[in-house]
Amino acid sequence: MGPPPFQRLLDEHREAVWRFLVASAGRDEADDCFQETFVAALRAYPRLPAGADHRAWLLTIAHRKAIDAHRARSRRPRPVAAETLDGRSAPAPAGNPDGDLWDAVRAIPHKQRAAVVLRYVGDLQHAETAQVLGGSEDAARRNLHEALTNLRKEFTR
C-alpha cells in the first residue's frame, strides 16, 4: 500500500504545522514558512519511505524552514524605536499579552526554541521531539530543560 494522497496529508497535518510555525517563527513569518514547508514536502513526498511518521516528517521540514526564517530575520535591518516630539520613546502598543514571552522564546537558540514549541504548542512527547529534531530523546529533554531555564532567567529579572 502506497502513501496517502498528498492532499490528505496536508489536510491532516496543516493545523499542527501552522501552530508550530507561528510559535517558532512568529506570525509575520509563518505564512511564508508554511508555504515553503509544503512546497518542499510536495517535492520530497514521492521519495518518502513507506511507514514513515508523516507528522514528524512535516514538522522536521517546518523546523528547518523556521530556522531559515530566523536566520533571514537576523540579517535584516532592525527598526529603531519611535520617538515623540519631546524626544522620549513612544510607549509600546498594547497587543498580545503573551507577546513578550514568545519574543523571548524566539530569541533563544533554535534547538531550544524548537523543543519548547514542539512540547507546548505541538504537544509532542520527548521521543517525538527527538525524532523531529534528529537527535536523541535525552538531547530533546535537555534542550527543553535549558530553554525553560533561560526563559525563567529572562522573566525573573
N, C-alpha and C. Protein backbone atom coordinates (compact mmCIF):
# COMPACT_ATOMS: atom_id res chain seq x y z
N MET A 1 0.83 -1.18 0.00
CA MET A 1 0.00 0.00 0.00
C MET A 1 0.88 1.24 0.00
N GLY A 2 0.62 2.17 -0.89
CA GLY A 2 1.43 3.37 -1.02
C GLY A 2 1.02 4.44 -0.03
N PRO A 3 1.73 5.55 -0.06
CA PRO A 3 1.40 6.65 0.86
C PRO A 3 0.05 7.27 0.50
N PRO A 4 -0.59 7.95 1.44
CA PRO A 4 -1.88 8.58 1.15
C PRO A 4 -1.68 9.73 0.17
N PRO A 5 -2.74 10.15 -0.51
CA PRO A 5 -2.60 11.31 -1.40
C PRO A 5 -2.09 12.52 -0.61
N PHE A 6 -1.31 13.33 -1.28
CA PHE A 6 -0.68 14.47 -0.61
C PHE A 6 -1.71 15.42 -0.01
N GLN A 7 -2.85 15.60 -0.68
CA GLN A 7 -3.88 16.50 -0.16
C GLN A 7 -4.39 16.01 1.19
N ARG A 8 -4.53 14.72 1.36
CA ARG A 8 -4.99 14.18 2.65
C ARG A 8 -3.93 14.44 3.73
N LEU A 9 -2.68 14.27 3.36
CA LEU A 9 -1.59 14.56 4.29
C LEU A 9 -1.63 16.03 4.71
N LEU A 10 -1.83 16.91 3.76
CA LEU A 10 -1.93 18.34 4.04
C LEU A 10 -3.12 18.62 4.96
N ASP A 11 -4.27 18.05 4.66
CA ASP A 11 -5.46 18.29 5.47
C ASP A 11 -5.29 17.79 6.90
N GLU A 12 -4.63 16.66 7.08
CA GLU A 12 -4.47 16.07 8.41
C GLU A 12 -3.49 16.83 9.29
N HIS A 13 -2.47 17.42 8.70
CA HIS A 13 -1.37 17.98 9.50
C HIS A 13 -1.20 19.48 9.39
N ARG A 14 -2.03 20.15 8.62
CA ARG A 14 -1.85 21.59 8.41
C ARG A 14 -1.94 22.38 9.70
N GLU A 15 -2.87 22.04 10.59
CA GLU A 15 -3.02 22.79 11.85
C GLU A 15 -1.79 22.66 12.74
N ALA A 16 -1.28 21.44 12.88
CA ALA A 16 -0.09 21.24 13.72
C ALA A 16 1.11 21.99 13.16
N VAL A 17 1.29 21.94 11.85
CA VAL A 17 2.42 22.65 11.22
C VAL A 17 2.24 24.15 11.38
N TRP A 18 1.02 24.64 11.17
CA TRP A 18 0.75 26.07 11.29
C TRP A 18 1.04 26.57 12.71
N ARG A 19 0.53 25.87 13.72
CA ARG A 19 0.76 26.27 15.11
C ARG A 19 2.25 26.27 15.44
N PHE A 20 2.95 25.25 14.98
CA PHE A 20 4.39 25.18 15.21
C PHE A 20 5.10 26.38 14.60
N LEU A 21 4.74 26.72 13.36
CA LEU A 21 5.42 27.82 12.68
C LEU A 21 5.10 29.18 13.29
N VAL A 22 3.86 29.39 13.71
CA VAL A 22 3.50 30.66 14.34
C VAL A 22 4.30 30.82 15.63
N ALA A 23 4.40 29.74 16.39
CA ALA A 23 5.11 29.82 17.67
C ALA A 23 6.62 29.94 17.49
N SER A 24 7.17 29.27 16.50
CA SER A 24 8.63 29.28 16.38
C SER A 24 9.17 30.38 15.47
N ALA A 25 8.44 30.74 14.44
CA ALA A 25 8.94 31.75 13.51
C ALA A 25 8.26 33.10 13.68
N GLY A 26 7.13 33.13 14.36
CA GLY A 26 6.39 34.38 14.52
C GLY A 26 5.28 34.48 13.49
N ARG A 27 4.27 35.24 13.83
CA ARG A 27 3.09 35.36 12.96
C ARG A 27 3.45 35.95 11.61
N ASP A 28 4.36 36.91 11.59
CA ASP A 28 4.73 37.57 10.34
C ASP A 28 5.41 36.62 9.37
N GLU A 29 6.19 35.69 9.87
CA GLU A 29 6.95 34.76 9.03
C GLU A 29 6.21 33.45 8.77
N ALA A 30 5.17 33.16 9.55
CA ALA A 30 4.53 31.85 9.49
C ALA A 30 3.92 31.54 8.12
N ASP A 31 3.31 32.53 7.48
CA ASP A 31 2.69 32.27 6.17
C ASP A 31 3.71 31.78 5.15
N ASP A 32 4.82 32.50 5.06
CA ASP A 32 5.85 32.11 4.10
C ASP A 32 6.45 30.75 4.45
N CYS A 33 6.73 30.54 5.72
CA CYS A 33 7.30 29.26 6.15
C CYS A 33 6.34 28.11 5.89
N PHE A 34 5.05 28.35 6.11
CA PHE A 34 4.04 27.32 5.87
C PHE A 34 4.04 26.91 4.40
N GLN A 35 4.03 27.89 3.53
CA GLN A 35 4.05 27.59 2.09
C GLN A 35 5.34 26.88 1.69
N GLU A 36 6.46 27.36 2.19
CA GLU A 36 7.74 26.74 1.85
C GLU A 36 7.81 25.31 2.38
N THR A 37 7.23 25.08 3.54
CA THR A 37 7.22 23.73 4.13
C THR A 37 6.48 22.76 3.21
N PHE A 38 5.29 23.14 2.78
CA PHE A 38 4.51 22.20 1.98
C PHE A 38 4.98 22.11 0.53
N VAL A 39 5.63 23.13 0.02
CA VAL A 39 6.25 23.01 -1.31
C VAL A 39 7.41 22.02 -1.23
N ALA A 40 8.24 22.16 -0.20
CA ALA A 40 9.35 21.22 -0.02
C ALA A 40 8.84 19.81 0.22
N ALA A 41 7.77 19.69 1.01
CA ALA A 41 7.20 18.36 1.28
C ALA A 41 6.64 17.74 0.02
N LEU A 42 5.98 18.54 -0.80
CA LEU A 42 5.42 18.01 -2.05
C LEU A 42 6.53 17.50 -2.97
N ARG A 43 7.64 18.21 -3.02
CA ARG A 43 8.76 17.76 -3.85
C ARG A 43 9.37 16.46 -3.34
N ALA A 44 9.45 16.32 -2.02
CA ALA A 44 10.10 15.15 -1.43
C ALA A 44 9.14 13.98 -1.21
N TYR A 45 7.85 14.21 -1.30
CA TYR A 45 6.84 13.20 -0.96
C TYR A 45 7.00 11.88 -1.72
N PRO A 46 7.30 11.91 -3.01
CA PRO A 46 7.45 10.62 -3.72
C PRO A 46 8.59 9.75 -3.18
N ARG A 47 9.58 10.37 -2.54
CA ARG A 47 10.72 9.61 -2.01
C ARG A 47 10.55 9.21 -0.54
N LEU A 48 9.43 9.57 0.07
CA LEU A 48 9.19 9.26 1.47
C LEU A 48 9.03 7.75 1.64
N PRO A 49 9.79 7.14 2.55
CA PRO A 49 9.69 5.69 2.73
C PRO A 49 8.32 5.28 3.28
N ALA A 50 7.90 4.10 2.92
CA ALA A 50 6.63 3.57 3.41
C ALA A 50 6.71 3.42 4.92
N GLY A 51 5.63 3.75 5.60
CA GLY A 51 5.58 3.61 7.04
C GLY A 51 6.22 4.76 7.80
N ALA A 52 6.62 5.82 7.11
CA ALA A 52 7.23 6.97 7.77
C ALA A 52 6.18 7.71 8.60
N ASP A 53 6.62 8.35 9.66
CA ASP A 53 5.75 9.17 10.50
C ASP A 53 5.56 10.50 9.79
N HIS A 54 4.40 10.68 9.17
CA HIS A 54 4.16 11.87 8.35
C HIS A 54 4.20 13.16 9.16
N ARG A 55 3.63 13.15 10.36
CA ARG A 55 3.61 14.35 11.18
C ARG A 55 5.03 14.77 11.56
N ALA A 56 5.83 13.83 12.00
CA ALA A 56 7.21 14.15 12.37
C ALA A 56 7.99 14.63 11.16
N TRP A 57 7.76 14.01 10.02
CA TRP A 57 8.45 14.39 8.79
C TRP A 57 8.10 15.82 8.41
N LEU A 58 6.82 16.17 8.46
CA LEU A 58 6.40 17.53 8.12
C LEU A 58 6.91 18.55 9.14
N LEU A 59 6.89 18.19 10.42
CA LEU A 59 7.39 19.11 11.43
C LEU A 59 8.90 19.30 11.33
N THR A 60 9.61 18.28 10.86
CA THR A 60 11.05 18.43 10.62
C THR A 60 11.30 19.45 9.52
N ILE A 61 10.54 19.35 8.45
CA ILE A 61 10.67 20.32 7.36
C ILE A 61 10.30 21.71 7.86
N ALA A 62 9.21 21.82 8.62
CA ALA A 62 8.78 23.11 9.15
C ALA A 62 9.85 23.70 10.08
N HIS A 63 10.46 22.84 10.89
CA HIS A 63 11.52 23.29 11.79
C HIS A 63 12.67 23.90 10.99
N ARG A 64 13.05 23.27 9.92
CA ARG A 64 14.14 23.79 9.09
C ARG A 64 13.76 25.11 8.42
N LYS A 65 12.51 25.23 8.01
CA LYS A 65 12.05 26.48 7.40
C LYS A 65 12.00 27.60 8.44
N ALA A 66 11.64 27.26 9.67
CA ALA A 66 11.64 28.26 10.75
C ALA A 66 13.06 28.73 11.05
N ILE A 67 14.01 27.81 11.02
CA ILE A 67 15.41 28.18 11.22
C ILE A 67 15.86 29.12 10.11
N ASP A 68 15.49 28.80 8.87
CA ASP A 68 15.83 29.68 7.75
C ASP A 68 15.24 31.07 7.94
N ALA A 69 13.99 31.14 8.40
CA ALA A 69 13.34 32.44 8.61
C ALA A 69 14.04 33.20 9.74
N HIS A 70 14.42 32.49 10.77
CA HIS A 70 15.12 33.14 11.90
C HIS A 70 16.47 33.70 11.43
N ARG A 71 17.18 32.95 10.64
CA ARG A 71 18.47 33.42 10.11
C ARG A 71 18.27 34.63 9.21
N ALA A 72 17.25 34.58 8.35
CA ALA A 72 16.99 35.70 7.45
C ALA A 72 16.60 36.94 8.25
N ARG A 73 15.80 36.76 9.30
CA ARG A 73 15.38 37.88 10.14
C ARG A 73 16.58 38.52 10.82
N SER A 74 17.56 37.73 11.21
CA SER A 74 18.74 38.29 11.88
C SER A 74 19.61 39.10 10.92
N ARG A 75 19.45 38.90 9.63
CA ARG A 75 20.24 39.66 8.65
C ARG A 75 19.54 40.95 8.22
N ARG A 76 18.26 41.10 8.54
CA ARG A 76 17.52 42.30 8.15
C ARG A 76 17.82 43.46 9.10
N PRO A 77 17.73 44.69 8.59
CA PRO A 77 17.91 45.83 9.47
C PRO A 77 16.77 45.89 10.50
N ARG A 78 17.09 46.34 11.69
CA ARG A 78 16.09 46.43 12.77
C ARG A 78 15.60 47.88 12.85
N PRO A 79 14.29 48.06 12.97
CA PRO A 79 13.78 49.43 13.11
C PRO A 79 14.13 49.98 14.49
N VAL A 80 14.33 51.27 14.54
CA VAL A 80 14.61 51.91 15.81
C VAL A 80 13.30 52.33 16.46
N ALA A 81 13.32 52.56 17.76
CA ALA A 81 12.11 52.95 18.47
C ALA A 81 11.62 54.31 17.98
N ALA A 82 10.32 54.45 17.89
CA ALA A 82 9.73 55.73 17.50
C ALA A 82 9.87 56.71 18.66
N GLU A 83 10.07 57.96 18.33
CA GLU A 83 10.20 58.97 19.37
C GLU A 83 9.05 59.96 19.27
N THR A 84 8.67 60.50 20.40
CA THR A 84 7.64 61.53 20.42
C THR A 84 8.31 62.87 20.13
N LEU A 85 7.51 63.90 20.02
CA LEU A 85 8.05 65.23 19.71
C LEU A 85 8.99 65.74 20.79
N ASP A 86 8.79 65.33 22.05
CA ASP A 86 9.66 65.82 23.12
C ASP A 86 10.91 64.96 23.31
N GLY A 87 11.16 63.99 22.42
CA GLY A 87 12.39 63.20 22.45
C GLY A 87 12.33 61.91 23.24
N ARG A 88 11.21 61.65 23.92
CA ARG A 88 11.08 60.40 24.68
C ARG A 88 10.61 59.29 23.74
N SER A 89 10.91 58.05 24.12
CA SER A 89 10.45 56.92 23.34
C SER A 89 8.95 56.78 23.47
N ALA A 90 8.32 56.42 22.37
CA ALA A 90 6.87 56.21 22.38
C ALA A 90 6.55 54.92 23.12
N PRO A 91 5.42 54.88 23.84
CA PRO A 91 5.06 53.65 24.55
C PRO A 91 4.76 52.52 23.57
N ALA A 92 5.04 51.32 24.01
CA ALA A 92 4.76 50.15 23.16
C ALA A 92 3.25 49.99 23.02
N PRO A 93 2.78 49.63 21.82
CA PRO A 93 1.34 49.45 21.63
C PRO A 93 0.84 48.24 22.42
N ALA A 94 -0.39 48.33 22.89
CA ALA A 94 -1.00 47.18 23.59
C ALA A 94 -1.27 46.10 22.55
N GLY A 95 -0.90 44.91 22.86
CA GLY A 95 -1.09 43.84 21.89
C GLY A 95 -1.30 42.53 22.59
N ASN A 96 -0.68 41.53 22.07
CA ASN A 96 -0.79 40.19 22.61
C ASN A 96 -0.15 40.15 24.01
N PRO A 97 -0.92 39.73 25.03
CA PRO A 97 -0.34 39.72 26.37
C PRO A 97 0.82 38.74 26.52
N ASP A 98 0.88 37.74 25.68
CA ASP A 98 1.98 36.79 25.73
C ASP A 98 3.08 37.13 24.73
N GLY A 99 2.99 38.28 24.11
CA GLY A 99 3.96 38.66 23.10
C GLY A 99 5.39 38.68 23.60
N ASP A 100 5.58 39.18 24.82
CA ASP A 100 6.93 39.22 25.39
C ASP A 100 7.48 37.82 25.58
N LEU A 101 6.63 36.91 26.02
CA LEU A 101 7.06 35.53 26.22
C LEU A 101 7.50 34.92 24.89
N TRP A 102 6.68 35.06 23.85
CA TRP A 102 7.03 34.45 22.57
C TRP A 102 8.20 35.15 21.91
N ASP A 103 8.36 36.44 22.16
CA ASP A 103 9.56 37.12 21.68
C ASP A 103 10.80 36.52 22.35
N ALA A 104 10.69 36.24 23.65
CA ALA A 104 11.81 35.62 24.37
C ALA A 104 12.07 34.21 23.86
N VAL A 105 11.02 33.48 23.55
CA VAL A 105 11.19 32.12 23.01
C VAL A 105 11.90 32.19 21.67
N ARG A 106 11.52 33.14 20.83
CA ARG A 106 12.16 33.27 19.52
C ARG A 106 13.62 33.73 19.63
N ALA A 107 14.02 34.27 20.77
CA ALA A 107 15.39 34.75 20.95
C ALA A 107 16.35 33.68 21.45
N ILE A 108 15.85 32.56 21.96
CA ILE A 108 16.74 31.51 22.47
C ILE A 108 17.27 30.68 21.30
N PRO A 109 18.33 29.91 21.49
CA PRO A 109 18.90 29.11 20.40
C PRO A 109 17.85 28.20 19.74
N HIS A 110 18.03 27.94 18.47
CA HIS A 110 16.98 27.29 17.68
C HIS A 110 16.58 25.91 18.19
N LYS A 111 17.49 25.09 18.66
CA LYS A 111 17.09 23.76 19.15
C LYS A 111 16.27 23.89 20.43
N GLN A 112 16.64 24.83 21.29
CA GLN A 112 15.86 25.06 22.50
C GLN A 112 14.48 25.61 22.13
N ARG A 113 14.46 26.54 21.20
CA ARG A 113 13.19 27.13 20.75
C ARG A 113 12.29 26.05 20.17
N ALA A 114 12.85 25.20 19.33
CA ALA A 114 12.05 24.13 18.73
C ALA A 114 11.54 23.16 19.78
N ALA A 115 12.35 22.86 20.79
CA ALA A 115 11.92 21.95 21.85
C ALA A 115 10.73 22.53 22.62
N VAL A 116 10.77 23.83 22.92
CA VAL A 116 9.65 24.47 23.62
C VAL A 116 8.40 24.44 22.75
N VAL A 117 8.55 24.82 21.51
CA VAL A 117 7.39 24.89 20.61
C VAL A 117 6.79 23.50 20.38
N LEU A 118 7.63 22.53 20.12
CA LEU A 118 7.12 21.18 19.87
C LEU A 118 6.43 20.62 21.11
N ARG A 119 6.94 20.93 22.29
CA ARG A 119 6.34 20.39 23.52
C ARG A 119 5.05 21.11 23.89
N TYR A 120 5.07 22.45 23.87
CA TYR A 120 3.94 23.20 24.40
C TYR A 120 2.95 23.66 23.34
N VAL A 121 3.34 23.74 22.10
CA VAL A 121 2.40 24.09 21.04
C VAL A 121 1.98 22.82 20.28
N GLY A 122 2.97 22.00 19.94
CA GLY A 122 2.67 20.78 19.20
C GLY A 122 2.24 19.62 20.08
N ASP A 123 2.40 19.74 21.40
CA ASP A 123 2.03 18.70 22.37
C ASP A 123 2.72 17.37 22.06
N LEU A 124 3.98 17.43 21.64
CA LEU A 124 4.75 16.23 21.36
C LEU A 124 5.50 15.79 22.62
N GLN A 125 5.67 14.50 22.76
CA GLN A 125 6.46 13.94 23.84
C GLN A 125 7.94 14.07 23.48
N HIS A 126 8.81 13.76 24.43
CA HIS A 126 10.25 13.91 24.19
C HIS A 126 10.74 13.02 23.04
N ALA A 127 10.22 11.81 22.93
CA ALA A 127 10.64 10.90 21.86
C ALA A 127 10.26 11.47 20.49
N GLU A 128 9.05 12.03 20.40
CA GLU A 128 8.61 12.62 19.13
C GLU A 128 9.41 13.88 18.81
N THR A 129 9.70 14.66 19.82
CA THR A 129 10.53 15.86 19.63
C THR A 129 11.90 15.46 19.13
N ALA A 130 12.47 14.42 19.71
CA ALA A 130 13.78 13.94 19.27
C ALA A 130 13.75 13.53 17.81
N GLN A 131 12.67 12.89 17.40
CA GLN A 131 12.55 12.45 16.01
C GLN A 131 12.50 13.66 15.07
N VAL A 132 11.75 14.68 15.45
CA VAL A 132 11.65 15.89 14.62
C VAL A 132 13.00 16.61 14.54
N LEU A 133 13.68 16.72 15.69
CA LEU A 133 14.95 17.46 15.73
C LEU A 133 16.14 16.64 15.25
N GLY A 134 15.94 15.33 15.09
CA GLY A 134 17.03 14.49 14.60
C GLY A 134 18.07 14.20 15.65
N GLY A 135 17.65 14.01 16.88
CA GLY A 135 18.59 13.71 17.96
C GLY A 135 18.02 12.63 18.87
N SER A 136 18.62 12.51 20.02
CA SER A 136 18.16 11.50 20.98
C SER A 136 17.07 12.09 21.87
N GLU A 137 16.39 11.20 22.56
CA GLU A 137 15.36 11.63 23.50
C GLU A 137 15.98 12.43 24.65
N ASP A 138 17.16 12.00 25.10
CA ASP A 138 17.84 12.73 26.16
C ASP A 138 18.23 14.15 25.72
N ALA A 139 18.65 14.28 24.47
CA ALA A 139 19.01 15.61 23.95
C ALA A 139 17.77 16.50 23.87
N ALA A 140 16.64 15.94 23.45
CA ALA A 140 15.40 16.71 23.39
C ALA A 140 14.99 17.17 24.78
N ARG A 141 15.09 16.27 25.74
CA ARG A 141 14.76 16.59 27.12
C ARG A 141 15.69 17.70 27.65
N ARG A 142 16.96 17.61 27.33
CA ARG A 142 17.95 18.60 27.78
C ARG A 142 17.70 19.96 27.12
N ASN A 143 17.40 19.96 25.82
CA ASN A 143 17.10 21.22 25.14
C ASN A 143 15.90 21.92 25.77
N LEU A 144 14.87 21.15 26.11
CA LEU A 144 13.70 21.74 26.75
C LEU A 144 14.06 22.29 28.12
N HIS A 145 14.82 21.54 28.88
CA HIS A 145 15.23 21.98 30.22
C HIS A 145 16.04 23.28 30.13
N GLU A 146 17.00 23.35 29.23
CA GLU A 146 17.83 24.55 29.09
C GLU A 146 17.00 25.74 28.62
N ALA A 147 16.05 25.48 27.71
CA ALA A 147 15.19 26.55 27.23
C ALA A 147 14.36 27.12 28.37
N LEU A 148 13.77 26.26 29.17
CA LEU A 148 12.95 26.73 30.28
C LEU A 148 13.80 27.47 31.32
N THR A 149 15.02 27.00 31.53
CA THR A 149 15.92 27.70 32.45
C THR A 149 16.23 29.10 31.93
N ASN A 150 16.52 29.22 30.64
CA ASN A 150 16.80 30.54 30.04
C ASN A 150 15.58 31.45 30.13
N LEU A 151 14.40 30.91 29.87
CA LEU A 151 13.19 31.73 29.92
C LEU A 151 12.89 32.18 31.35
N ARG A 152 13.10 31.30 32.31
CA ARG A 152 12.88 31.69 33.71
C ARG A 152 13.83 32.82 34.11
N LYS A 153 15.09 32.74 33.69
CA LYS A 153 16.05 33.81 33.99
C LYS A 153 15.58 35.12 33.38
N GLU A 154 15.07 35.06 32.17
CA GLU A 154 14.62 36.26 31.46
C GLU A 154 13.44 36.92 32.19
N PHE A 155 12.52 36.13 32.71
CA PHE A 155 11.31 36.68 33.29
C PHE A 155 11.38 36.86 34.80
N THR A 156 12.48 36.49 35.44
CA THR A 156 12.60 36.72 36.88
C THR A 156 13.59 37.84 37.18
N ARG A 157 13.99 38.56 36.19
CA ARG A 157 14.91 39.69 36.39
C ARG A 157 14.22 40.83 37.05
